[in-house]
Amino acid sequence: MAKSKERIITVFGSSRPREGHPDYETARELGRRLAERGFTVCSGGYGGVMEGVSRGAKESGGRVVGVTSGTFRSRTNRWVDEEIRMESWHDRLFELIRRGDGYVACKGGTGTLAELAIVWEMQNKKLMRAEKPFVVLGDFWTPVLDFVRMAERERGSAWGEGGNSPVEAAATPHAAADFLAARLLGREESKGKSARLT
């Protein structure tokens, strides 16, 4: 019997939250939900949201990949099964993007903003070989998405934001995982593809 193709979800988020913080625990739940649906979880491999999502995935029997860089002195979190070491921050960022079959952006700072913006731009300009689902988790990024969409649509953009946006928003880890499962695994587990998943 043929082995099913590994499906990888790359998760972006802040390195700052610690165990017990709401952002850490939300990421941990996301990792659990993704692993329960058969996804491999990929992240930057360090602490905070990256640790939370890695831990949640391992607690549910999932596989975890961490893409790290010599740029940073931080240690890889202990829930990572496979570390992929890149030479530079730039190489690390694009390896995280390359490996993902889908993406989730959690709450974060400038690093997460850069990751969100680059994936979004690559999708808008059709620079990816395949259409890959992208979800932002919670309300944190909603103002950014709304302002960019407004600017693009006012200009009559021919790119992605001129029509259907390539970025979805999910209120909960459960909703995010269901949306990705429906898109990538062919499961009818989400209740639609609205701009705001609940």
Protein backbone atom coordinates (compact mmCIF):
# COMPACT_ATOMS: atom_id res chain seq x y z
CA MET A 1 0.00 0.00 0.00
CA ALA A 2 1.42 3.40 -1.04
CA LYS A 3 2.43 5.74 1.75
CA SER A 4 0.42 8.96 1.79
CA LYS A 5 2.26 12.18 0.98
CA GLU A 6 3.45 14.14 4.00
CA ARG A 7 1.57 17.43 4.31
CA ILE A 8 3.43 20.19 6.14
CA ILE A 9 1.97 23.27 7.77
CA THR A 10 4.45 26.05 8.48
CA VAL A 11 3.50 28.12 11.51
CA PHE A 12 4.82 31.64 12.09
CA GLY A 13 4.69 33.47 15.42
CA SER A 14 6.50 35.31 18.19
CA SER A 15 9.45 33.84 20.08
CA ARG A 16 8.49 35.65 23.29
CA PRO A 17 5.50 33.89 24.96
CA ARG A 18 6.29 31.31 27.62
CA GLU A 19 4.34 28.31 28.90
CA GLY A 20 1.08 29.47 30.48
CA HIS A 21 0.83 32.65 28.40
CA PRO A 22 -2.36 32.74 26.26
CA ASP A 23 -0.37 33.03 23.01
CA TYR A 24 1.76 30.00 23.92
CA GLU A 25 -1.28 27.93 24.86
CA THR A 26 -3.13 28.94 21.69
CA ALA A 27 -0.13 27.78 19.65
CA ARG A 28 -0.01 24.56 21.65
CA GLU A 29 -3.65 23.88 20.84
CA LEU A 30 -3.00 24.67 17.18
CA GLY A 31 -0.19 22.11 17.14
CA ARG A 32 -2.50 19.49 18.65
CA ARG A 33 -5.26 20.21 16.16
CA LEU A 34 -2.90 20.07 13.19
CA ALA A 35 -1.31 16.80 14.33
CA GLU A 36 -4.74 15.24 14.92
CA ARG A 37 -5.52 15.91 11.25
CA GLY A 38 -2.32 14.23 10.13
CA PHE A 39 -0.19 17.28 9.38
CA THR A 40 3.51 17.62 10.06
CA VAL A 41 4.18 20.91 11.83
CA CYS A 42 7.06 23.11 10.73
CA SER A 43 8.22 26.25 12.53
CA GLY A 44 11.32 28.33 13.19
CA GLY A 45 12.20 25.79 15.88
CA TYR A 46 12.91 28.10 18.81
CA GLY A 47 10.79 29.30 21.75
CA GLY A 48 7.48 31.07 22.19
CA VAL A 49 4.81 30.28 19.61
CA MET A 50 7.31 28.03 17.82
CA GLU A 51 7.76 25.95 20.97
CA GLY A 52 4.06 25.94 21.78
CA VAL A 53 3.00 24.64 18.36
CA SER A 54 5.83 22.07 18.38
CA ARG A 55 4.86 20.85 21.83
CA GLY A 56 1.18 20.56 20.98
CA ALA A 57 1.94 18.57 17.86
CA LYS A 58 4.23 16.16 19.73
CA GLU A 59 1.67 15.70 22.51
CA SER A 60 -0.76 14.49 19.85
CA GLY A 61 1.74 12.14 18.23
CA GLY A 62 2.66 14.43 15.34
CA ARG A 63 5.95 15.05 13.59
CA VAL A 64 7.75 18.36 14.08
CA VAL A 65 10.32 20.08 11.87
CA GLY A 66 12.32 23.10 13.01
CA VAL A 67 14.10 25.35 10.51
CA THR A 68 16.82 27.25 12.37
CA SER A 69 19.64 29.61 11.48
CA GLY A 70 23.21 30.36 12.52
CA THR A 71 22.06 33.98 12.80
CA PHE A 72 20.45 33.21 16.16
CA ARG A 73 22.05 31.87 19.35
CA SER A 74 18.84 30.34 20.70
CA ARG A 75 18.56 26.60 21.19
CA THR A 76 16.11 24.47 19.27
CA ASN A 77 13.10 23.56 21.42
CA ARG A 78 13.02 19.99 22.71
CA TRP A 79 9.88 18.99 20.81
CA VAL A 80 11.53 19.25 17.38
CA ASP A 81 12.09 15.87 15.67
CA GLU A 82 14.16 17.17 12.77
CA GLU A 83 16.24 20.34 12.75
CA ILE A 84 17.11 21.88 9.40
CA ARG A 85 19.95 24.35 9.90
CA MET A 86 20.23 27.22 7.43
CA GLU A 87 23.15 29.61 7.18
CA SER A 88 21.29 32.93 7.19
CA TRP A 89 18.03 34.49 8.31
CA HIS A 90 17.08 34.96 4.66
CA ASP A 91 17.71 31.29 3.83
CA ARG A 92 15.75 30.20 6.90
CA LEU A 93 12.74 32.33 5.95
CA PHE A 94 12.52 30.97 2.43
CA GLU A 95 13.08 27.38 3.58
CA LEU A 96 10.13 27.75 5.96
CA ILE A 97 8.04 28.98 3.04
CA ARG A 98 9.32 26.33 0.62
CA ARG A 99 8.55 23.45 2.97
CA GLY A 100 4.98 24.50 3.75
CA ASP A 101 1.95 23.07 1.95
CA GLY A 102 -0.03 25.61 3.95
CA TYR A 103 0.65 28.35 6.50
CA VAL A 104 -0.65 29.79 9.75
CA ALA A 105 0.42 33.19 11.07
CA CYS A 106 -0.09 33.57 14.82
CA LYS A 107 0.32 36.74 16.86
CA GLY A 108 3.84 38.11 16.61
CA GLY A 109 6.15 41.06 16.04
CA THR A 110 8.18 42.36 13.11
CA GLY A 111 9.60 38.93 12.23
CA THR A 112 6.13 37.42 11.94
CA LEU A 113 4.94 40.49 10.04
CA ALA A 114 7.75 40.00 7.53
CA GLU A 115 6.86 36.31 7.13
CA LEU A 116 3.18 37.09 6.67
CA ALA A 117 3.92 39.85 4.14
CA ILE A 118 6.32 37.76 2.05
CA VAL A 119 3.99 34.75 1.80
CA TRP A 120 1.08 37.06 1.02
CA GLU A 121 3.08 38.89 -1.67
CA MET A 122 4.26 35.63 -3.24
CA GLN A 123 0.66 34.45 -3.40
CA ASN A 124 -0.65 37.72 -4.78
CA LYS A 125 1.98 37.74 -7.53
CA LYS A 126 1.51 34.00 -8.27
CA LEU A 127 5.14 33.28 -7.40
CA MET A 128 4.41 29.91 -5.80
CA ARG A 129 4.27 26.75 -7.87
CA ALA A 130 1.01 25.71 -6.27
CA GLU A 131 -1.80 27.52 -4.49
CA LYS A 132 -1.16 27.07 -0.78
CA PRO A 133 -3.78 27.93 1.87
CA PHE A 134 -2.81 30.65 4.32
CA VAL A 135 -4.59 31.40 7.59
CA VAL A 136 -4.08 34.15 10.16
CA LEU A 137 -5.13 33.04 13.63
CA GLY A 138 -7.23 35.36 15.81
CA ASP A 139 -7.85 39.10 15.48
CA PHE A 140 -4.30 40.40 15.79
CA TRP A 141 -3.52 40.71 12.07
CA THR A 142 -7.02 41.73 10.97
CA PRO A 143 -6.32 45.52 10.88
CA VAL A 144 -3.22 44.94 8.73
CA LEU A 145 -5.15 42.74 6.31
CA ASP A 146 -8.03 45.19 6.12
CA PHE A 147 -5.85 48.24 5.41
CA VAL A 148 -3.82 46.48 2.74
CA ARG A 149 -6.93 45.11 1.05
CA MET A 150 -8.54 48.54 1.07
CA ALA A 151 -5.47 50.12 -0.55
CA GLU A 152 -5.22 47.40 -3.19
CA ARG A 153 -8.89 47.51 -4.10
CA GLU A 154 -8.98 51.30 -4.29
CA ARG A 155 -6.24 51.12 -6.94
CA GLY A 156 -8.08 48.49 -8.94
CA SER A 157 -5.23 46.02 -8.47
CA ALA A 158 -4.94 43.18 -10.95
CA TRP A 159 -3.27 41.04 -8.27
CA GLY A 160 -4.85 38.73 -5.69
CA GLU A 161 -6.31 41.40 -3.44
CA GLY A 162 -8.24 42.84 -6.36
CA GLY A 163 -10.43 39.72 -6.27
CA ASN A 164 -10.59 36.88 -3.76
CA SER A 165 -7.95 37.22 -1.07
CA PRO A 166 -5.45 34.37 -0.70
CA VAL A 167 -5.40 34.93 3.09
CA GLU A 168 -8.15 33.65 5.37
CA ALA A 169 -8.75 34.45 9.04
CA ALA A 170 -9.67 31.84 11.63
CA ALA A 171 -11.00 32.66 15.08
CA THR A 172 -9.72 29.48 16.76
CA PRO A 173 -7.02 26.80 16.30
CA HIS A 174 -9.80 24.28 15.61
CA ALA A 175 -11.18 26.44 12.78
CA ALA A 176 -7.72 26.98 11.31
CA ALA A 177 -6.94 23.25 11.31
CA ASP A 178 -10.32 22.37 9.82
CA PHE A 179 -9.88 24.89 7.02
CA LEU A 180 -6.42 23.56 6.16
CA ALA A 181 -7.67 19.96 6.29
CA ALA A 182 -10.55 20.77 3.94
CA ARG A 183 -8.21 22.47 1.48
CA LEU A 184 -5.29 20.04 1.61
CA LEU A 185 -6.73 16.69 2.62
CA GLY A 186 -10.08 16.90 0.86
CA ARG A 187 -12.04 16.70 4.10
CA GLU A 188 -15.32 18.54 4.45
CA GLU A 189 -14.50 19.68 7.96
CA SER A 190 -14.80 23.41 7.53
CA LYS A 191 -18.07 25.25 7.22
CA GLY A 192 -16.98 27.38 4.28
CA LYS A 193 -14.27 29.67 3.02
CA SER A 194 -15.52 32.99 4.32
CA ALA A 195 -13.14 35.82 5.15
CA ARG A 196 -13.81 35.09 8.82
CA LEU A 197 -13.85 31.48 9.92
CA THR A 198 -15.41 30.66 13.28
